[in-house]
Amino acid sequence: MSTTQPQPPVAPEQASSHRRHNPWIWISALLAVAAVGLGIWAYKSQSDLDNANDDVAQLQKQVDQSKETGGTVLATVKGAFQDLSAELGATQQDLAGTQQELEDAQASAEKAAQDAASAVEGSTEQAQAKAKEAESKATVAADCAKAYAGAFGALFEGDSVREQASVVKGQLQDISATCKSALSGS
């Protein structure tokens, strides 16, 4: 049988030395855990920053595409307007002339209406007077269309459509009033 020999008693100096190292081990372990935690936090923060930068870049790309699309749409509308103006023969320069023609056509339509009313003598004269009245109304309608196109063209003359909108609004109101009275008064 073997017997175990009793262990010699530990000297108090050795026991206290062993205990002194124990807090430093715990402090070192705590610092290691804190360092790992800070490393994980820094990695996550960098990842979030990268994602945010990617989102900003993507949004900037969308803004650039929207500006390009908006510019393309504006250019298309300007081109369509220029084609329409060329077809109607209307420009901003002759807007005042068109309004004068409109007023002249209105006067002509009123005269034709008076002629139609006074032409009771014969059916041929009445028919001619009515044809002249219809022709005057057609002229008024064409002049109105030219005036509207010319006023609408003023939208594209400045740097901003919004800046020109109030000017064009006033012109369109004047043209509408003149055309309405010309077509209803005949």
C-alpha atoms as a PDB file:
ATOM      1  CA  MET A   1       0.000   0.000   0.000  1.00  0.00           C
ATOM      2  CA  SER A   2       1.180   3.238  -0.725  1.00  0.00           C
ATOM      3  CA  THR A   3       0.632   6.027   1.511  1.00  0.00           C
ATOM      4  CA  THR A   4       0.521   9.557   0.590  1.00  0.00           C
ATOM      5  CA  GLN A   5       2.711  11.762   2.397  1.00  0.00           C
ATOM      6  CA  PRO A   6       1.303  14.815   3.913  1.00  0.00           C
ATOM      7  CA  GLN A   7       2.057  18.055   2.146  1.00  0.00           C
ATOM      8  CA  PRO A   8       4.265  20.465   3.875  1.00  0.00           C
ATOM      9  CA  PRO A   9       2.452  23.525   5.087  1.00  0.00           C
ATOM     10  CA  VAL A  10       2.654  26.578   2.802  1.00  0.00           C
ATOM     11  CA  ALA A  11       4.492  29.474   4.193  1.00  0.00           C
ATOM     12  CA  PRO A  12       2.436  32.647   4.570  1.00  0.00           C
ATOM     13  CA  GLU A  13       4.878  34.558   2.313  1.00  0.00           C
ATOM     14  CA  GLN A  14       4.275  32.167  -0.571  1.00  0.00           C
ATOM     15  CA  ALA A  15       0.496  32.373  -0.178  1.00  0.00           C
ATOM     16  CA  SER A  16       0.452  36.150  -0.252  1.00  0.00           C
ATOM     17  CA  SER A  17       2.738  36.212  -3.277  1.00  0.00           C
ATOM     18  CA  HIS A  18       0.321  33.953  -5.129  1.00  0.00           C
ATOM     19  CA  ARG A  19      -2.594  36.228  -4.290  1.00  0.00           C
ATOM     20  CA  ARG A  20      -0.799  39.376  -5.459  1.00  0.00           C
ATOM     21  CA  HIS A  21      -0.468  38.053  -9.009  1.00  0.00           C
ATOM     22  CA  ASN A  22      -4.095  37.066  -9.186  1.00  0.00           C
ATOM     23  CA  PRO A  23      -5.529  40.685  -9.493  1.00  0.00           C
ATOM     24  CA  TRP A  24      -3.092  41.499 -12.313  1.00  0.00           C
ATOM     25  CA  ILE A  25      -4.266  38.491 -14.266  1.00  0.00           C
ATOM     26  CA  TRP A  26      -7.862  39.644 -13.891  1.00  0.00           C
ATOM     27  CA  ILE A  27      -7.001  43.208 -14.898  1.00  0.00           C
ATOM     28  CA  SER A  28      -5.105  41.929 -17.948  1.00  0.00           C
ATOM     29  CA  ALA A  29      -8.021  39.694 -18.946  1.00  0.00           C
ATOM     30  CA  LEU A  30     -10.450  42.600 -18.510  1.00  0.00           C
ATOM     31  CA  LEU A  31      -8.240  44.847 -20.673  1.00  0.00           C
ATOM     32  CA  ALA A  32      -8.005  42.131 -23.328  1.00  0.00           C
ATOM     33  CA  VAL A  33     -11.797  41.800 -23.411  1.00  0.00           C
ATOM     34  CA  ALA A  34     -12.134  45.609 -23.640  1.00  0.00           C
ATOM     35  CA  ALA A  35      -9.615  45.703 -26.506  1.00  0.00           C
ATOM     36  CA  VAL A  36     -11.504  42.984 -28.380  1.00  0.00           C
ATOM     37  CA  GLY A  37     -14.788  44.834 -27.773  1.00  0.00           C
ATOM     38  CA  LEU A  38     -13.320  48.103 -29.059  1.00  0.00           C
ATOM     39  CA  GLY A  39     -11.954  46.296 -32.111  1.00  0.00           C
ATOM     40  CA  ILE A  40     -15.376  44.838 -32.893  1.00  0.00           C
ATOM     41  CA  TRP A  41     -17.000  48.252 -32.358  1.00  0.00           C
ATOM     42  CA  ALA A  42     -14.457  49.939 -34.667  1.00  0.00           C
ATOM     43  CA  TYR A  43     -14.999  47.297 -37.369  1.00  0.00           C
ATOM     44  CA  LYS A  44     -18.791  47.699 -37.137  1.00  0.00           C
ATOM     45  CA  SER A  45     -18.513  51.507 -37.236  1.00  0.00           C
ATOM     46  CA  GLN A  46     -16.273  51.327 -40.303  1.00  0.00           C
ATOM     47  CA  SER A  47     -18.726  48.952 -41.967  1.00  0.00           C
ATOM     48  CA  ASP A  48     -21.628  51.318 -41.202  1.00  0.00           C
ATOM     49  CA  LEU A  49     -19.619  54.246 -42.565  1.00  0.00           C
ATOM     50  CA  ASP A  50     -18.836  52.325 -45.755  1.00  0.00           C
ATOM     51  CA  ASN A  51     -22.531  51.476 -46.188  1.00  0.00           C
ATOM     52  CA  ALA A  52     -23.521  55.112 -45.620  1.00  0.00           C
ATOM     53  CA  ASN A  53     -20.940  56.292 -48.174  1.00  0.00           C
ATOM     54  CA  ASP A  54     -22.236  53.733 -50.683  1.00  0.00           C
ATOM     55  CA  ASP A  55     -25.797  54.989 -50.101  1.00  0.00           C
ATOM     56  CA  VAL A  56     -24.694  58.602 -50.568  1.00  0.00           C
ATOM     57  CA  ALA A  57     -22.887  57.711 -53.792  1.00  0.00           C
ATOM     58  CA  GLN A  58     -25.952  55.863 -55.082  1.00  0.00           C
ATOM     59  CA  LEU A  59     -28.265  58.783 -54.193  1.00  0.00           C
ATOM     60  CA  GLN A  60     -25.890  61.241 -55.869  1.00  0.00           C
ATOM     61  CA  LYS A  61     -25.935  59.070 -58.985  1.00  0.00           C
ATOM     62  CA  GLN A  62     -29.751  59.119 -58.940  1.00  0.00           C
ATOM     63  CA  VAL A  63     -29.748  62.921 -58.547  1.00  0.00           C
ATOM     64  CA  ASP A  64     -27.370  63.259 -61.488  1.00  0.00           C
ATOM     65  CA  GLN A  65     -29.560  60.959 -63.589  1.00  0.00           C
ATOM     66  CA  SER A  66     -32.659  62.964 -62.601  1.00  0.00           C
ATOM     67  CA  LYS A  67     -30.960  66.208 -63.600  1.00  0.00           C
ATOM     68  CA  GLU A  68     -29.966  64.664 -66.913  1.00  0.00           C
ATOM     69  CA  THR A  69     -33.479  63.341 -67.476  1.00  0.00           C
ATOM     70  CA  GLY A  70     -35.007  66.693 -66.507  1.00  0.00           C
ATOM     71  CA  GLY A  71     -32.659  68.489 -68.886  1.00  0.00           C
ATOM     72  CA  THR A  72     -33.540  66.052 -71.631  1.00  0.00           C
ATOM     73  CA  VAL A  73     -37.266  66.539 -71.028  1.00  0.00           C
ATOM     74  CA  LEU A  74     -36.869  70.327 -71.048  1.00  0.00           C
ATOM     75  CA  ALA A  75     -34.843  70.157 -74.265  1.00  0.00           C
ATOM     76  CA  THR A  76     -37.509  67.922 -75.824  1.00  0.00           C
ATOM     77  CA  VAL A  77     -40.302  70.294 -74.804  1.00  0.00           C
ATOM     78  CA  LYS A  78     -38.342  73.274 -76.120  1.00  0.00           C
ATOM     79  CA  GLY A  79     -37.771  71.448 -79.409  1.00  0.00           C
ATOM     80  CA  ALA A  80     -41.436  70.525 -79.716  1.00  0.00           C
ATOM     81  CA  PHE A  81     -42.431  74.101 -78.986  1.00  0.00           C
ATOM     82  CA  GLN A  82     -39.999  75.451 -81.564  1.00  0.00           C
ATOM     83  CA  ASP A  83     -41.405  73.027 -84.131  1.00  0.00           C
ATOM     84  CA  LEU A  84     -44.949  74.097 -83.268  1.00  0.00           C
ATOM     85  CA  SER A  85     -43.986  77.764 -83.422  1.00  0.00           C
ATOM     86  CA  ALA A  86     -42.348  77.265 -86.797  1.00  0.00           C
ATOM     87  CA  GLU A  87     -45.427  75.460 -88.039  1.00  0.00           C
ATOM     88  CA  LEU A  88     -47.731  78.206 -86.797  1.00  0.00           C
ATOM     89  CA  GLY A  89     -45.327  80.941 -87.838  1.00  0.00           C
ATOM     90  CA  ALA A  90     -45.318  82.393 -84.338  1.00  0.00           C
ATOM     91  CA  THR A  91     -42.368  83.791 -82.429  1.00  0.00           C
ATOM     92  CA  GLN A  92     -42.080  85.932 -79.345  1.00  0.00           C
ATOM     93  CA  GLN A  93     -41.065  88.906 -81.485  1.00  0.00           C
ATOM     94  CA  ASP A  94     -44.287  88.852 -83.452  1.00  0.00           C
ATOM     95  CA  LEU A  95     -46.519  88.241 -80.423  1.00  0.00           C
ATOM     96  CA  ALA A  96     -47.481  91.912 -80.366  1.00  0.00           C
ATOM     97  CA  GLY A  97     -48.149  91.802 -84.113  1.00  0.00           C
ATOM     98  CA  THR A  98     -50.262  88.700 -83.671  1.00  0.00           C
ATOM     99  CA  GLN A  99     -52.281  90.420 -80.976  1.00  0.00           C
ATOM    100  CA  GLN A 100     -52.798  93.369 -83.345  1.00  0.00           C
ATOM    101  CA  GLU A 101     -53.886  90.956 -86.089  1.00  0.00           C
ATOM    102  CA  LEU A 102     -56.232  89.383 -83.577  1.00  0.00           C
ATOM    103  CA  GLU A 103     -57.801  92.738 -82.805  1.00  0.00           C
ATOM    104  CA  ASP A 104     -58.065  93.498 -86.536  1.00  0.00           C
ATOM    105  CA  ALA A 105     -59.671  90.116 -87.122  1.00  0.00           C
ATOM    106  CA  GLN A 106     -62.083  90.842 -84.298  1.00  0.00           C
ATOM    107  CA  ALA A 107     -63.033  94.130 -85.905  1.00  0.00           C
ATOM    108  CA  SER A 108     -63.430  92.381 -89.252  1.00  0.00           C
ATOM    109  CA  ALA A 109     -65.621  89.727 -87.649  1.00  0.00           C
ATOM    110  CA  GLU A 110     -67.808  92.397 -86.062  1.00  0.00           C
ATOM    111  CA  LYS A 111     -68.153  94.166 -89.418  1.00  0.00           C
ATOM    112  CA  ALA A 112     -69.009  90.867 -91.081  1.00  0.00           C
ATOM    113  CA  ALA A 113     -71.654  90.254 -88.412  1.00  0.00           C
ATOM    114  CA  GLN A 114     -73.113  93.701 -89.069  1.00  0.00           C
ATOM    115  CA  ASP A 115     -73.038  93.045 -92.799  1.00  0.00           C
ATOM    116  CA  ALA A 116     -74.813  89.740 -92.245  1.00  0.00           C
ATOM    117  CA  ALA A 117     -77.477  91.467 -90.187  1.00  0.00           C
ATOM    118  CA  SER A 118     -78.006  94.239 -92.717  1.00  0.00           C
ATOM    119  CA  ALA A 119     -77.845  91.977 -95.751  1.00  0.00           C
ATOM    120  CA  VAL A 120     -81.499  91.107 -95.851  1.00  0.00           C
ATOM    121  CA  GLU A 121     -81.784  91.986 -99.529  1.00  0.00           C
ATOM    122  CA  GLY A 122     -81.012  88.613-100.955  1.00  0.00           C
ATOM    123  CA  SER A 123     -80.013  85.129 -99.997  1.00  0.00           C
ATOM    124  CA  THR A 124     -76.784  85.357-102.008  1.00  0.00           C
ATOM    125  CA  GLU A 125     -75.651  88.380-100.080  1.00  0.00           C
ATOM    126  CA  GLN A 126     -76.638  86.690 -96.814  1.00  0.00           C
ATOM    127  CA  ALA A 127     -74.656  83.589 -97.714  1.00  0.00           C
ATOM    128  CA  GLN A 128     -71.634  85.693 -98.636  1.00  0.00           C
ATOM    129  CA  ALA A 129     -71.931  87.649 -95.409  1.00  0.00           C
ATOM    130  CA  LYS A 130     -72.142  84.445 -93.371  1.00  0.00           C
ATOM    131  CA  ALA A 131     -69.162  82.994 -95.220  1.00  0.00           C
ATOM    132  CA  LYS A 132     -67.220  86.170 -94.558  1.00  0.00           C
ATOM    133  CA  GLU A 133     -68.215  85.972 -90.876  1.00  0.00           C
ATOM    134  CA  ALA A 134     -67.073  82.330 -90.676  1.00  0.00           C
ATOM    135  CA  GLU A 135     -63.808  83.240 -92.394  1.00  0.00           C
ATOM    136  CA  SER A 136     -63.273  86.044 -89.880  1.00  0.00           C
ATOM    137  CA  LYS A 137     -63.882  83.659 -86.990  1.00  0.00           C
ATOM    138  CA  ALA A 138     -61.390  81.201 -88.469  1.00  0.00           C
ATOM    139  CA  THR A 139     -58.850  84.004 -88.774  1.00  0.00           C
ATOM    140  CA  VAL A 140     -59.495  84.976 -85.148  1.00  0.00           C
ATOM    141  CA  ALA A 141     -59.013  81.359 -84.037  1.00  0.00           C
ATOM    142  CA  ALA A 142     -55.744  81.051 -85.983  1.00  0.00           C
ATOM    143  CA  ASP A 143     -54.471  84.330 -84.568  1.00  0.00           C
ATOM    144  CA  CYS A 144     -55.415  83.174 -81.073  1.00  0.00           C
ATOM    145  CA  ALA A 145     -53.452  79.968 -81.577  1.00  0.00           C
ATOM    146  CA  LYS A 146     -50.420  81.941 -82.748  1.00  0.00           C
ATOM    147  CA  ALA A 147     -50.695  84.298 -79.786  1.00  0.00           C
ATOM    148  CA  TYR A 148     -50.936  81.399 -77.331  1.00  0.00           C
ATOM    149  CA  ALA A 149     -47.927  79.678 -78.909  1.00  0.00           C
ATOM    150  CA  GLY A 150     -45.902  82.881 -78.803  1.00  0.00           C
ATOM    151  CA  ALA A 151     -46.758  83.486 -75.157  1.00  0.00           C
ATOM    152  CA  PHE A 152     -45.977  79.888 -74.273  1.00  0.00           C
ATOM    153  CA  GLY A 153     -42.589  80.285 -75.954  1.00  0.00           C
ATOM    154  CA  ALA A 154     -41.668  82.981 -73.437  1.00  0.00           C
ATOM    155  CA  LEU A 155     -41.411  80.231 -70.812  1.00  0.00           C
ATOM    156  CA  PHE A 156     -38.214  78.995 -72.408  1.00  0.00           C
ATOM    157  CA  GLU A 157     -36.503  82.341 -72.901  1.00  0.00           C
ATOM    158  CA  GLY A 158     -35.107  82.818 -69.380  1.00  0.00           C
ATOM    159  CA  ASP A 159     -32.888  80.640 -67.261  1.00  0.00           C
ATOM    160  CA  SER A 160     -35.810  79.372 -65.225  1.00  0.00           C
ATOM    161  CA  VAL A 161     -39.304  78.407 -66.286  1.00  0.00           C
ATOM    162  CA  ARG A 162     -40.568  79.477 -62.849  1.00  0.00           C
ATOM    163  CA  GLU A 163     -39.259  83.007 -63.336  1.00  0.00           C
ATOM    164  CA  GLN A 164     -41.029  83.351 -66.668  1.00  0.00           C
ATOM    165  CA  ALA A 165     -44.292  81.791 -65.472  1.00  0.00           C
ATOM    166  CA  SER A 166     -45.773  84.999 -64.042  1.00  0.00           C
ATOM    167  CA  VAL A 167     -45.026  86.956 -67.239  1.00  0.00           C
ATOM    168  CA  VAL A 168     -46.535  84.230 -69.404  1.00  0.00           C
ATOM    169  CA  LYS A 169     -49.565  83.985 -67.121  1.00  0.00           C
ATOM    170  CA  GLY A 170     -50.325  87.670 -67.660  1.00  0.00           C
ATOM    171  CA  GLN A 171     -49.889  87.342 -71.417  1.00  0.00           C
ATOM    172  CA  LEU A 172     -52.145  84.280 -71.553  1.00  0.00           C
ATOM    173  CA  GLN A 173     -54.842  86.055 -69.542  1.00  0.00           C
ATOM    174  CA  ASP A 174     -54.752  89.037 -71.902  1.00  0.00           C
ATOM    175  CA  ILE A 175     -54.860  86.782 -74.953  1.00  0.00           C
ATOM    176  CA  SER A 176     -57.706  84.718 -73.497  1.00  0.00           C
ATOM    177  CA  ALA A 177     -59.779  87.804 -72.792  1.00  0.00           C
ATOM    178  CA  THR A 178     -59.190  89.181 -76.285  1.00  0.00           C
ATOM    179  CA  CYS A 179     -59.928  85.850 -77.992  1.00  0.00           C
ATOM    180  CA  LYS A 180     -63.023  85.246 -75.927  1.00  0.00           C
ATOM    181  CA  SER A 181     -64.478  88.626 -76.731  1.00  0.00           C
ATOM    182  CA  ALA A 182     -63.510  88.284 -80.400  1.00  0.00           C
ATOM    183  CA  LEU A 183     -65.129  84.874 -80.817  1.00  0.00           C
ATOM    184  CA  SER A 184     -68.232  85.529 -78.748  1.00  0.00           C
ATOM    185  CA  GLY A 185     -68.817  89.066 -80.024  1.00  0.00           C
ATOM    186  CA  SER A 186     -68.895  88.028 -83.681  1.00  0.00           C
END
